[in-house]
Amino acid sequence: MRPPLRTETSLSMPYRTLNTDEAAQYLNLTRADIERLCKDRDIPFEMRGGRIVFRQREIDAWASQRILSFNTSRLVEYHRTSSRETRTLLRRETLLPEMIRPDCIAAAMTAKTKASVLRDLAVVADRTGLVGDGAELVASLLAREKLCPTAVPGGAAFLHPRQQQPYLFQSSFLVLGRTIQPIHFGSPDGQPTDLFFLICCQDEKLHLHTLARLCLMSLKTDLLAQLRVAPDAAVLLDCLLAAERAVVGTLSGVPERVMAGRRHAAPLPKSPWSDEGPAAGRDLAAAARPPD
């Protein structure tokens, strides 16, 4: 059994407020990026005594949803930045070998509703012994889905609590669930979902990095297709680890999409946080389709 993931990151306080410089550092952006987002009213903020301030819990939710809507090039850029930020804090470049084990995978879930999926995944998480309060986890997952669904085009959902409370988990880990029957989970393309990643992190920065990595794995490899045909939890785990190795291997070079032997270079934008427009989410749906 591998040890749970532990880092040197400081546990974030979700109820604190940030000034412009602190928000820029927290999101790996420049002050100019933050000021532009505020000018466009594209990020939640408040005015206090003529100063711009940000509630961290609102920034956390905004950042998570933004990552879920990134197209490939913006996701690559954010993941490249977050990888640099976390490289000195983690034991290795890969995350998943220390975050997930076969007993964190439910390969044949019978749930048929959103609420039952959340409950069943919380049960799997609770069995790790790393969850402080299983009922509170379910409530936080429901609150997050009510705020905005975590399902994305392509049949996957990247679930996480409303806030990354440091007391909710004893360590950071990942749960994967696959339902026998796809269910409607609020994906923007209106299609059902059958693959559910539950991200359980103590620290918000680690959460955002893990979320970005899982989304990138889904976009740049044939992970989703492999997960749908894997016969059991052990093979599901092998697919996850192989996909992460493929993505990590591109960090030092030109980002590429890897699927069925084909490679496509992806251009990098100046900042990943600007408005995505109507094209957001299409890349993941394309990634989930079988290769020609």
C-alpha atoms as a PDB file:
ATOM      1  CA  MET A   1       0.000   0.000   0.000  1.00  0.00           C
ATOM      2  CA  ARG A   2       1.438   3.363  -1.018  1.00  0.00           C
ATOM      3  CA  PRO A   3       1.565   6.141   1.590  1.00  0.00           C
ATOM      4  CA  PRO A   4      -0.990   8.956   1.248  1.00  0.00           C
ATOM      5  CA  LEU A   5       0.116  12.119  -0.484  1.00  0.00           C
ATOM      6  CA  ARG A   6       1.634  14.656   1.892  1.00  0.00           C
ATOM      7  CA  THR A   7       3.148  17.967   0.850  1.00  0.00           C
ATOM      8  CA  GLU A   8       4.775  20.969   2.447  1.00  0.00           C
ATOM      9  CA  THR A   9       1.944  23.242   1.298  1.00  0.00           C
ATOM     10  CA  SER A  10       0.363  25.405   3.962  1.00  0.00           C
ATOM     11  CA  LEU A  11      -3.304  24.659   4.573  1.00  0.00           C
ATOM     12  CA  SER A  12      -5.386  27.434   3.057  1.00  0.00           C
ATOM     13  CA  MET A  13      -7.932  29.411   5.033  1.00  0.00           C
ATOM     14  CA  PRO A  14     -11.013  29.550   2.771  1.00  0.00           C
ATOM     15  CA  TYR A  15     -12.692  32.397   4.668  1.00  0.00           C
ATOM     16  CA  ARG A  16      -9.847  34.919   4.450  1.00  0.00           C
ATOM     17  CA  THR A  17      -9.710  37.839   2.044  1.00  0.00           C
ATOM     18  CA  LEU A  18      -6.954  38.657  -0.453  1.00  0.00           C
ATOM     19  CA  ASN A  19      -5.760  41.928  -1.927  1.00  0.00           C
ATOM     20  CA  THR A  20      -4.863  42.267  -5.604  1.00  0.00           C
ATOM     21  CA  ASP A  21      -1.238  41.190  -5.218  1.00  0.00           C
ATOM     22  CA  GLU A  22      -2.163  38.238  -2.996  1.00  0.00           C
ATOM     23  CA  ALA A  23      -4.837  37.101  -5.474  1.00  0.00           C
ATOM     24  CA  ALA A  24      -2.329  37.318  -8.327  1.00  0.00           C
ATOM     25  CA  GLN A  25       0.179  35.189  -6.436  1.00  0.00           C
ATOM     26  CA  TYR A  26      -2.496  32.720  -5.357  1.00  0.00           C
ATOM     27  CA  LEU A  27      -3.717  32.199  -8.939  1.00  0.00           C
ATOM     28  CA  ASN A  28      -0.234  32.287 -10.535  1.00  0.00           C
ATOM     29  CA  LEU A  29      -1.135  35.456 -12.457  1.00  0.00           C
ATOM     30  CA  THR A  30       0.291  38.952 -12.792  1.00  0.00           C
ATOM     31  CA  ARG A  31      -1.240  41.985 -11.126  1.00  0.00           C
ATOM     32  CA  ALA A  32      -2.178  43.231 -14.608  1.00  0.00           C
ATOM     33  CA  ASP A  33      -4.073  39.981 -15.268  1.00  0.00           C
ATOM     34  CA  ILE A  34      -6.080  40.437 -12.066  1.00  0.00           C
ATOM     35  CA  GLU A  35      -6.805  44.091 -12.806  1.00  0.00           C
ATOM     36  CA  ARG A  36      -7.998  43.194 -16.300  1.00  0.00           C
ATOM     37  CA  LEU A  37     -10.288  40.461 -14.943  1.00  0.00           C
ATOM     38  CA  CYS A  38     -11.741  42.946 -12.444  1.00  0.00           C
ATOM     39  CA  LYS A  39     -12.220  45.601 -15.120  1.00  0.00           C
ATOM     40  CA  ASP A  40     -14.124  43.092 -17.240  1.00  0.00           C
ATOM     41  CA  ARG A  41     -16.010  41.917 -14.117  1.00  0.00           C
ATOM     42  CA  ASP A  42     -14.849  38.434 -14.981  1.00  0.00           C
ATOM     43  CA  ILE A  43     -13.773  37.503 -11.441  1.00  0.00           C
ATOM     44  CA  PRO A  44     -15.654  37.872  -8.120  1.00  0.00           C
ATOM     45  CA  PHE A  45     -14.405  40.823  -6.036  1.00  0.00           C
ATOM     46  CA  GLU A  46     -15.599  43.514  -3.634  1.00  0.00           C
ATOM     47  CA  MET A  47     -14.743  47.151  -2.998  1.00  0.00           C
ATOM     48  CA  ARG A  48     -13.820  48.048   0.585  1.00  0.00           C
ATOM     49  CA  GLY A  49     -12.797  51.608   1.320  1.00  0.00           C
ATOM     50  CA  GLY A  50     -11.777  52.121  -2.293  1.00  0.00           C
ATOM     51  CA  ARG A  51      -9.692  48.922  -2.340  1.00  0.00           C
ATOM     52  CA  ILE A  52     -10.362  45.755  -4.316  1.00  0.00           C
ATOM     53  CA  VAL A  53     -10.535  42.637  -2.140  1.00  0.00           C
ATOM     54  CA  PHE A  54     -11.293  39.008  -2.943  1.00  0.00           C
ATOM     55  CA  ARG A  55     -12.939  36.372  -0.763  1.00  0.00           C
ATOM     56  CA  GLN A  56     -10.764  33.288  -1.041  1.00  0.00           C
ATOM     57  CA  ARG A  57     -13.679  30.853  -1.020  1.00  0.00           C
ATOM     58  CA  GLU A  58     -15.200  32.705  -3.999  1.00  0.00           C
ATOM     59  CA  ILE A  59     -11.859  32.745  -5.807  1.00  0.00           C
ATOM     60  CA  ASP A  60     -11.461  29.004  -5.177  1.00  0.00           C
ATOM     61  CA  ALA A  61     -14.854  28.197  -6.698  1.00  0.00           C
ATOM     62  CA  TRP A  62     -14.231  30.561  -9.619  1.00  0.00           C
ATOM     63  CA  ALA A  63     -10.828  29.026 -10.364  1.00  0.00           C
ATOM     64  CA  SER A  64     -12.148  25.454 -10.251  1.00  0.00           C
ATOM     65  CA  GLN A  65     -14.978  26.248 -12.647  1.00  0.00           C
ATOM     66  CA  ARG A  66     -12.614  28.132 -14.933  1.00  0.00           C
ATOM     67  CA  ILE A  67     -10.309  25.132 -15.203  1.00  0.00           C
ATOM     68  CA  LEU A  68     -13.268  22.899 -16.073  1.00  0.00           C
ATOM     69  CA  SER A  69     -14.125  25.223 -18.981  1.00  0.00           C
ATOM     70  CA  PHE A  70     -10.577  25.649 -20.352  1.00  0.00           C
ATOM     71  CA  ASN A  71      -9.874  24.564 -23.902  1.00  0.00           C
ATOM     72  CA  THR A  72      -6.713  22.565 -24.549  1.00  0.00           C
ATOM     73  CA  SER A  73      -4.230  25.401 -25.066  1.00  0.00           C
ATOM     74  CA  ARG A  74      -5.342  27.345 -21.993  1.00  0.00           C
ATOM     75  CA  LEU A  75      -5.353  24.207 -19.878  1.00  0.00           C
ATOM     76  CA  VAL A  76      -1.829  23.346 -21.031  1.00  0.00           C
ATOM     77  CA  GLU A  77      -0.610  26.808 -20.045  1.00  0.00           C
ATOM     78  CA  TYR A  78      -2.231  26.720 -16.613  1.00  0.00           C
ATOM     79  CA  HIS A  79      -0.990  23.174 -15.944  1.00  0.00           C
ATOM     80  CA  ARG A  80       2.543  24.148 -16.963  1.00  0.00           C
ATOM     81  CA  THR A  81       2.458  27.049 -14.467  1.00  0.00           C
ATOM     82  CA  SER A  82       0.901  25.050 -11.642  1.00  0.00           C
ATOM     83  CA  SER A  83       3.452  22.264 -12.207  1.00  0.00           C
ATOM     84  CA  ARG A  84       6.278  24.742 -11.690  1.00  0.00           C
ATOM     85  CA  GLU A  85       4.612  26.070  -8.542  1.00  0.00           C
ATOM     86  CA  THR A  86       4.173  22.626  -6.977  1.00  0.00           C
ATOM     87  CA  ARG A  87       7.396  20.987  -8.178  1.00  0.00           C
ATOM     88  CA  THR A  88       9.346  21.920  -5.052  1.00  0.00           C
ATOM     89  CA  LEU A  89       6.498  20.881  -2.752  1.00  0.00           C
ATOM     90  CA  LEU A  90       5.906  17.339  -3.980  1.00  0.00           C
ATOM     91  CA  ARG A  91       8.059  14.245  -3.744  1.00  0.00           C
ATOM     92  CA  ARG A  92       7.825  13.574  -7.475  1.00  0.00           C
ATOM     93  CA  GLU A  93       6.427  15.006 -10.691  1.00  0.00           C
ATOM     94  CA  THR A  94       3.558  12.532 -10.774  1.00  0.00           C
ATOM     95  CA  LEU A  95       0.676  12.902  -8.320  1.00  0.00           C
ATOM     96  CA  LEU A  96      -1.522   9.876  -8.782  1.00  0.00           C
ATOM     97  CA  PRO A  97       0.741   7.035  -7.550  1.00  0.00           C
ATOM     98  CA  GLU A  98       0.394   8.481  -4.050  1.00  0.00           C
ATOM     99  CA  MET A  99      -3.210   9.650  -4.362  1.00  0.00           C
ATOM    100  CA  ILE A 100      -5.136   6.605  -5.543  1.00  0.00           C
ATOM    101  CA  ARG A 101      -5.156   2.843  -4.905  1.00  0.00           C
ATOM    102  CA  PRO A 102      -7.369   0.068  -6.312  1.00  0.00           C
ATOM    103  CA  ASP A 103      -9.644   0.262  -3.253  1.00  0.00           C
ATOM    104  CA  CYS A 104     -10.338   3.921  -4.152  1.00  0.00           C
ATOM    105  CA  ILE A 105     -11.934   2.801  -7.424  1.00  0.00           C
ATOM    106  CA  ALA A 106     -15.554   1.706  -7.901  1.00  0.00           C
ATOM    107  CA  ALA A 107     -15.650   0.038 -11.318  1.00  0.00           C
ATOM    108  CA  ALA A 108     -19.353  -0.855 -11.519  1.00  0.00           C
ATOM    109  CA  MET A 109     -21.502   1.667  -9.676  1.00  0.00           C
ATOM    110  CA  THR A 110     -25.255   1.072  -9.849  1.00  0.00           C
ATOM    111  CA  ALA A 111     -26.223   4.658  -8.949  1.00  0.00           C
ATOM    112  CA  LYS A 112     -28.797   6.222 -11.278  1.00  0.00           C
ATOM    113  CA  THR A 113     -29.119   9.765  -9.878  1.00  0.00           C
ATOM    114  CA  LYS A 114     -26.754  12.618  -9.076  1.00  0.00           C
ATOM    115  CA  ALA A 115     -27.423  12.356  -5.341  1.00  0.00           C
ATOM    116  CA  SER A 116     -26.810   8.599  -5.260  1.00  0.00           C
ATOM    117  CA  VAL A 117     -23.539   8.980  -7.191  1.00  0.00           C
ATOM    118  CA  LEU A 118     -22.309  11.510  -4.634  1.00  0.00           C
ATOM    119  CA  ARG A 119     -23.323   9.292  -1.721  1.00  0.00           C
ATOM    120  CA  ASP A 120     -21.709   6.188  -3.209  1.00  0.00           C
ATOM    121  CA  LEU A 121     -18.445   7.981  -3.973  1.00  0.00           C
ATOM    122  CA  ALA A 122     -18.395   9.427  -0.458  1.00  0.00           C
ATOM    123  CA  VAL A 123     -18.735   5.888   0.922  1.00  0.00           C
ATOM    124  CA  VAL A 124     -15.710   4.780  -1.121  1.00  0.00           C
ATOM    125  CA  ALA A 125     -13.788   7.815   0.123  1.00  0.00           C
ATOM    126  CA  ASP A 126     -14.792   7.156   3.728  1.00  0.00           C
ATOM    127  CA  ARG A 127     -13.441   3.597   3.524  1.00  0.00           C
ATOM    128  CA  THR A 128      -9.929   4.997   3.111  1.00  0.00           C
ATOM    129  CA  GLY A 129     -10.038   6.201   6.709  1.00  0.00           C
ATOM    130  CA  LEU A 130      -8.944   9.659   5.525  1.00  0.00           C
ATOM    131  CA  VAL A 131     -12.341  11.398   5.686  1.00  0.00           C
ATOM    132  CA  GLY A 132     -13.115  13.373   8.819  1.00  0.00           C
ATOM    133  CA  ASP A 133     -16.907  13.375   8.423  1.00  0.00           C
ATOM    134  CA  GLY A 134     -18.616  11.408   5.646  1.00  0.00           C
ATOM    135  CA  ALA A 135     -21.941  13.223   6.016  1.00  0.00           C
ATOM    136  CA  GLU A 136     -20.236  16.608   5.779  1.00  0.00           C
ATOM    137  CA  LEU A 137     -18.405  15.460   2.651  1.00  0.00           C
ATOM    138  CA  VAL A 138     -21.707  14.548   0.970  1.00  0.00           C
ATOM    139  CA  ALA A 139     -23.226  17.889   1.982  1.00  0.00           C
ATOM    140  CA  SER A 140     -20.224  19.785   0.595  1.00  0.00           C
ATOM    141  CA  LEU A 141     -20.336  17.841  -2.686  1.00  0.00           C
ATOM    142  CA  LEU A 142     -24.051  18.593  -3.052  1.00  0.00           C
ATOM    143  CA  ALA A 143     -23.392  22.281  -2.352  1.00  0.00           C
ATOM    144  CA  ARG A 144     -20.686  22.357  -5.033  1.00  0.00           C
ATOM    145  CA  GLU A 145     -22.943  20.754  -7.625  1.00  0.00           C
ATOM    146  CA  LYS A 146     -25.746  23.180  -6.745  1.00  0.00           C
ATOM    147  CA  LEU A 147     -23.350  26.077  -7.310  1.00  0.00           C
ATOM    148  CA  CYS A 148     -22.390  24.768 -10.760  1.00  0.00           C
ATOM    149  CA  PRO A 149     -22.176  21.204 -12.128  1.00  0.00           C
ATOM    150  CA  THR A 150     -18.705  19.658 -12.355  1.00  0.00           C
ATOM    151  CA  ALA A 151     -19.617  17.493 -15.347  1.00  0.00           C
ATOM    152  CA  VAL A 152     -17.912  18.370 -18.627  1.00  0.00           C
ATOM    153  CA  PRO A 153     -18.462  17.344 -22.254  1.00  0.00           C
ATOM    154  CA  GLY A 154     -17.120  13.882 -22.962  1.00  0.00           C
ATOM    155  CA  GLY A 155     -18.942  11.988 -20.202  1.00  0.00           C
ATOM    156  CA  ALA A 156     -16.710  12.828 -17.221  1.00  0.00           C
ATOM    157  CA  ALA A 157     -17.223  14.785 -14.003  1.00  0.00           C
ATOM    158  CA  PHE A 158     -14.530  16.158 -11.688  1.00  0.00           C
ATOM    159  CA  LEU A 159     -16.207  16.295  -8.295  1.00  0.00           C
ATOM    160  CA  HIS A 160     -14.861  18.170  -5.294  1.00  0.00           C
ATOM    161  CA  PRO A 161     -16.150  19.765  -2.080  1.00  0.00           C
ATOM    162  CA  ARG A 162     -17.507  23.317  -2.007  1.00  0.00           C
ATOM    163  CA  GLN A 163     -14.318  24.368  -0.206  1.00  0.00           C
ATOM    164  CA  GLN A 164     -11.101  22.494   0.484  1.00  0.00           C
ATOM    165  CA  GLN A 165     -11.427  22.551   4.277  1.00  0.00           C
ATOM    166  CA  PRO A 166      -8.198  21.296   5.911  1.00  0.00           C
ATOM    167  CA  TYR A 167     -10.116  19.321   8.541  1.00  0.00           C
ATOM    168  CA  LEU A 168     -12.296  17.441   6.044  1.00  0.00           C
ATOM    169  CA  PHE A 169      -9.491  15.065   4.992  1.00  0.00           C
ATOM    170  CA  GLN A 170      -6.504  13.673   6.870  1.00  0.00           C
ATOM    171  CA  SER A 171      -4.528  13.601   3.628  1.00  0.00           C
ATOM    172  CA  SER A 172      -5.098  14.281  -0.067  1.00  0.00           C
ATOM    173  CA  PHE A 173      -6.383  11.453  -2.258  1.00  0.00           C
ATOM    174  CA  LEU A 174      -8.502  10.623  -5.308  1.00  0.00           C
ATOM    175  CA  VAL A 175     -11.539   8.397  -5.870  1.00  0.00           C
ATOM    176  CA  LEU A 176     -12.694   7.150  -9.283  1.00  0.00           C
ATOM    177  CA  GLY A 177     -16.157   5.807  -9.990  1.00  0.00           C
ATOM    178  CA  ARG A 178     -17.624   4.315 -13.176  1.00  0.00           C
ATOM    179  CA  THR A 179     -21.372   3.846 -13.435  1.00  0.00           C
ATOM    180  CA  ILE A 180     -22.894   0.916 -15.286  1.00  0.00           C
ATOM    181  CA  GLN A 181     -25.489   3.253 -16.756  1.00  0.00           C
ATOM    182  CA  PRO A 182     -24.569   6.840 -17.747  1.00  0.00           C
ATOM    183  CA  ILE A 183     -26.671   9.433 -15.930  1.00  0.00           C
ATOM    184  CA  HIS A 184     -27.471  13.074 -16.572  1.00  0.00           C
ATOM    185  CA  PHE A 185     -25.162  15.104 -14.338  1.00  0.00           C
ATOM    186  CA  GLY A 186     -25.458  18.617 -15.738  1.00  0.00           C
ATOM    187  CA  SER A 187     -22.860  18.515 -18.515  1.00  0.00           C
ATOM    188  CA  PRO A 188     -23.067  21.637 -20.724  1.00  0.00           C
ATOM    189  CA  ASP A 189     -23.443  19.464 -23.833  1.00  0.00           C
ATOM    190  CA  GLY A 190     -26.564  17.817 -22.373  1.00  0.00           C
ATOM    191  CA  GLN A 191     -25.040  14.342 -22.622  1.00  0.00           C
ATOM    192  CA  PRO A 192     -24.935  11.820 -19.741  1.00  0.00           C
ATOM    193  CA  THR A 193     -21.899  11.086 -17.577  1.00  0.00           C
ATOM    194  CA  ASP A 194     -20.409   7.733 -16.566  1.00  0.00           C
ATOM    195  CA  LEU A 195     -16.905   8.564 -15.244  1.00  0.00           C
ATOM    196  CA  PHE A 196     -16.609  10.387 -11.919  1.00  0.00           C
ATOM    197  CA  PHE A 197     -13.362  11.660 -10.392  1.00  0.00           C
ATOM    198  CA  LEU A 198     -13.697  12.728  -6.744  1.00  0.00           C
ATOM    199  CA  ILE A 199     -10.792  15.017  -5.785  1.00  0.00           C
ATOM    200  CA  CYS A 200     -10.186  15.099  -2.028  1.00  0.00           C
ATOM    201  CA  CYS A 201      -7.480  17.652  -1.213  1.00  0.00           C
ATOM    202  CA  GLN A 202      -6.584  19.446   1.989  1.00  0.00           C
ATOM    203  CA  ASP A 203      -5.020  22.385   0.184  1.00  0.00           C
ATOM    204  CA  GLU A 204      -6.608  24.525  -2.540  1.00  0.00           C
ATOM    205  CA  LYS A 205      -3.450  24.937  -4.628  1.00  0.00           C
ATOM    206  CA  LEU A 206      -2.939  21.181  -4.718  1.00  0.00           C
ATOM    207  CA  HIS A 207      -6.629  20.797  -5.576  1.00  0.00           C
ATOM    208  CA  LEU A 208      -6.394  23.167  -8.546  1.00  0.00           C
ATOM    209  CA  HIS A 209      -3.215  21.472  -9.791  1.00  0.00           C
ATOM    210  CA  THR A 210      -4.794  18.012  -9.480  1.00  0.00           C
ATOM    211  CA  LEU A 211      -7.949  19.200 -11.237  1.00  0.00           C
ATOM    212  CA  ALA A 212      -5.919  20.676 -14.086  1.00  0.00           C
ATOM    213  CA  ARG A 213      -3.854  17.513 -14.441  1.00  0.00           C
ATOM    214  CA  LEU A 214      -6.901  15.224 -14.590  1.00  0.00           C
ATOM    215  CA  CYS A 215      -8.571  17.474 -17.160  1.00  0.00           C
ATOM    216  CA  LEU A 216      -5.383  17.545 -19.226  1.00  0.00           C
ATOM    217  CA  MET A 217      -5.060  13.764 -19.042  1.00  0.00           C
ATOM    218  CA  SER A 218      -8.621  13.514 -20.353  1.00  0.00           C
ATOM    219  CA  LEU A 219      -7.906  15.950 -23.175  1.00  0.00           C
ATOM    220  CA  LYS A 220      -4.467  14.863 -24.346  1.00  0.00           C
ATOM    221  CA  THR A 221      -4.699  11.080 -24.065  1.00  0.00           C
ATOM    222  CA  ASP A 222      -7.358   8.480 -24.797  1.00  0.00           C
ATOM    223  CA  LEU A 223      -7.861   8.002 -21.041  1.00  0.00           C
ATOM    224  CA  LEU A 224     -11.657   8.278 -21.037  1.00  0.00           C
ATOM    225  CA  ALA A 225     -12.033   5.668 -23.773  1.00  0.00           C
ATOM    226  CA  GLN A 226      -9.640   3.320 -21.946  1.00  0.00           C
ATOM    227  CA  LEU A 227     -11.464   3.734 -18.641  1.00  0.00           C
ATOM    228  CA  ARG A 228     -14.746   2.738 -20.266  1.00  0.00           C
ATOM    229  CA  VAL A 229     -13.428  -0.622 -21.455  1.00  0.00           C
ATOM    230  CA  ALA A 230     -11.130  -1.500 -18.532  1.00  0.00           C
ATOM    231  CA  PRO A 231     -12.368  -4.778 -16.962  1.00  0.00           C
ATOM    232  CA  ASP A 232     -11.618  -4.053 -13.299  1.00  0.00           C
ATOM    233  CA  ALA A 233     -10.211  -1.608 -10.757  1.00  0.00           C
ATOM    234  CA  ALA A 234      -6.621  -2.742 -11.244  1.00  0.00           C
ATOM    235  CA  VAL A 235      -6.726  -2.009 -14.978  1.00  0.00           C
ATOM    236  CA  LEU A 236      -8.540   1.283 -14.367  1.00  0.00           C
ATOM    237  CA  LEU A 237      -5.680   2.291 -12.083  1.00  0.00           C
ATOM    238  CA  ASP A 238      -3.083   1.262 -14.676  1.00  0.00           C
ATOM    239  CA  CYS A 239      -4.859   3.427 -17.277  1.00  0.00           C
ATOM    240  CA  LEU A 240      -4.816   6.431 -14.947  1.00  0.00           C
ATOM    241  CA  LEU A 241      -1.133   6.100 -14.114  1.00  0.00           C
ATOM    242  CA  ALA A 242      -0.138   5.589 -17.752  1.00  0.00           C
ATOM    243  CA  ALA A 243      -2.101   8.667 -18.839  1.00  0.00           C
ATOM    244  CA  GLU A 244      -0.442  10.784 -16.160  1.00  0.00           C
ATOM    245  CA  ARG A 245       3.024   9.603 -17.198  1.00  0.00           C
ATOM    246  CA  ALA A 246       2.228  10.570 -20.796  1.00  0.00           C
ATOM    247  CA  VAL A 247       1.152  14.069 -19.752  1.00  0.00           C
ATOM    248  CA  VAL A 248       4.084  14.605 -17.387  1.00  0.00           C
ATOM    249  CA  GLY A 249       6.430  13.553 -20.180  1.00  0.00           C
ATOM    250  CA  THR A 250       5.325  16.564 -22.258  1.00  0.00           C
ATOM    251  CA  LEU A 251       5.984  19.169 -19.552  1.00  0.00           C
ATOM    252  CA  SER A 252       9.510  19.967 -20.684  1.00  0.00           C
ATOM    253  CA  GLY A 253       8.728  20.028 -24.381  1.00  0.00           C
ATOM    254  CA  VAL A 254       6.105  21.273 -26.822  1.00  0.00           C
ATOM    255  CA  PRO A 255       2.662  20.306 -25.512  1.00  0.00           C
ATOM    256  CA  GLU A 256       1.115  17.641 -27.674  1.00  0.00           C
ATOM    257  CA  ARG A 257      -2.080  15.675 -27.876  1.00  0.00           C
ATOM    258  CA  VAL A 258      -1.290  11.955 -27.658  1.00  0.00           C
ATOM    259  CA  MET A 259      -3.899   9.576 -29.038  1.00  0.00           C
ATOM    260  CA  ALA A 260      -3.577   6.440 -31.115  1.00  0.00           C
ATOM    261  CA  GLY A 261      -0.064   7.360 -32.219  1.00  0.00           C
ATOM    262  CA  ARG A 262      -1.022  10.832 -33.493  1.00  0.00           C
ATOM    263  CA  ARG A 263       0.599  13.990 -32.124  1.00  0.00           C
ATOM    264  CA  HIS A 264      -0.629  17.544 -32.557  1.00  0.00           C
ATOM    265  CA  ALA A 265       1.227  20.622 -31.333  1.00  0.00           C
ATOM    266  CA  ALA A 266      -0.894  23.036 -29.267  1.00  0.00           C
ATOM    267  CA  PRO A 267      -0.294  26.812 -29.250  1.00  0.00           C
ATOM    268  CA  LEU A 268       0.079  28.557 -25.887  1.00  0.00           C
ATOM    269  CA  PRO A 269      -1.925  31.700 -25.037  1.00  0.00           C
ATOM    270  CA  LYS A 270      -0.611  34.647 -23.046  1.00  0.00           C
ATOM    271  CA  SER A 271      -2.938  34.084 -20.060  1.00  0.00           C
ATOM    272  CA  PRO A 272      -5.199  31.074 -19.428  1.00  0.00           C
ATOM    273  CA  TRP A 273      -7.800  32.947 -17.378  1.00  0.00           C
ATOM    274  CA  SER A 274      -9.455  35.175 -19.978  1.00  0.00           C
ATOM    275  CA  ASP A 275     -12.964  34.468 -21.220  1.00  0.00           C
ATOM    276  CA  GLU A 276     -13.313  31.210 -23.146  1.00  0.00           C
ATOM    277  CA  GLY A 277     -16.350  32.103 -25.219  1.00  0.00           C
ATOM    278  CA  PRO A 278     -18.620  29.556 -26.937  1.00  0.00           C
ATOM    279  CA  ALA A 279     -15.787  27.169 -27.841  1.00  0.00           C
ATOM    280  CA  ALA A 280     -15.182  26.215 -24.202  1.00  0.00           C
ATOM    281  CA  GLY A 281     -15.611  22.524 -23.486  1.00  0.00           C
ATOM    282  CA  ARG A 282     -15.556  21.305 -27.073  1.00  0.00           C
ATOM    283  CA  ASP A 283     -12.039  19.913 -26.826  1.00  0.00           C
ATOM    284  CA  LEU A 284     -12.927  17.437 -24.096  1.00  0.00           C
ATOM    285  CA  ALA A 285     -15.930  16.150 -26.016  1.00  0.00           C
ATOM    286  CA  ALA A 286     -13.677  15.593 -29.023  1.00  0.00           C
ATOM    287  CA  ALA A 287     -11.114  13.822 -26.855  1.00  0.00           C
ATOM    288  CA  ALA A 288     -13.737  11.386 -25.625  1.00  0.00           C
ATOM    289  CA  ARG A 289     -14.675  10.280 -29.130  1.00  0.00           C
ATOM    290  CA  PRO A 290     -12.937   7.172 -30.497  1.00  0.00           C
ATOM    291  CA  PRO A 291     -10.079   7.916 -32.926  1.00  0.00           C
ATOM    292  CA  ASP A 292     -10.818   7.690 -36.645  1.00  0.00           C
END
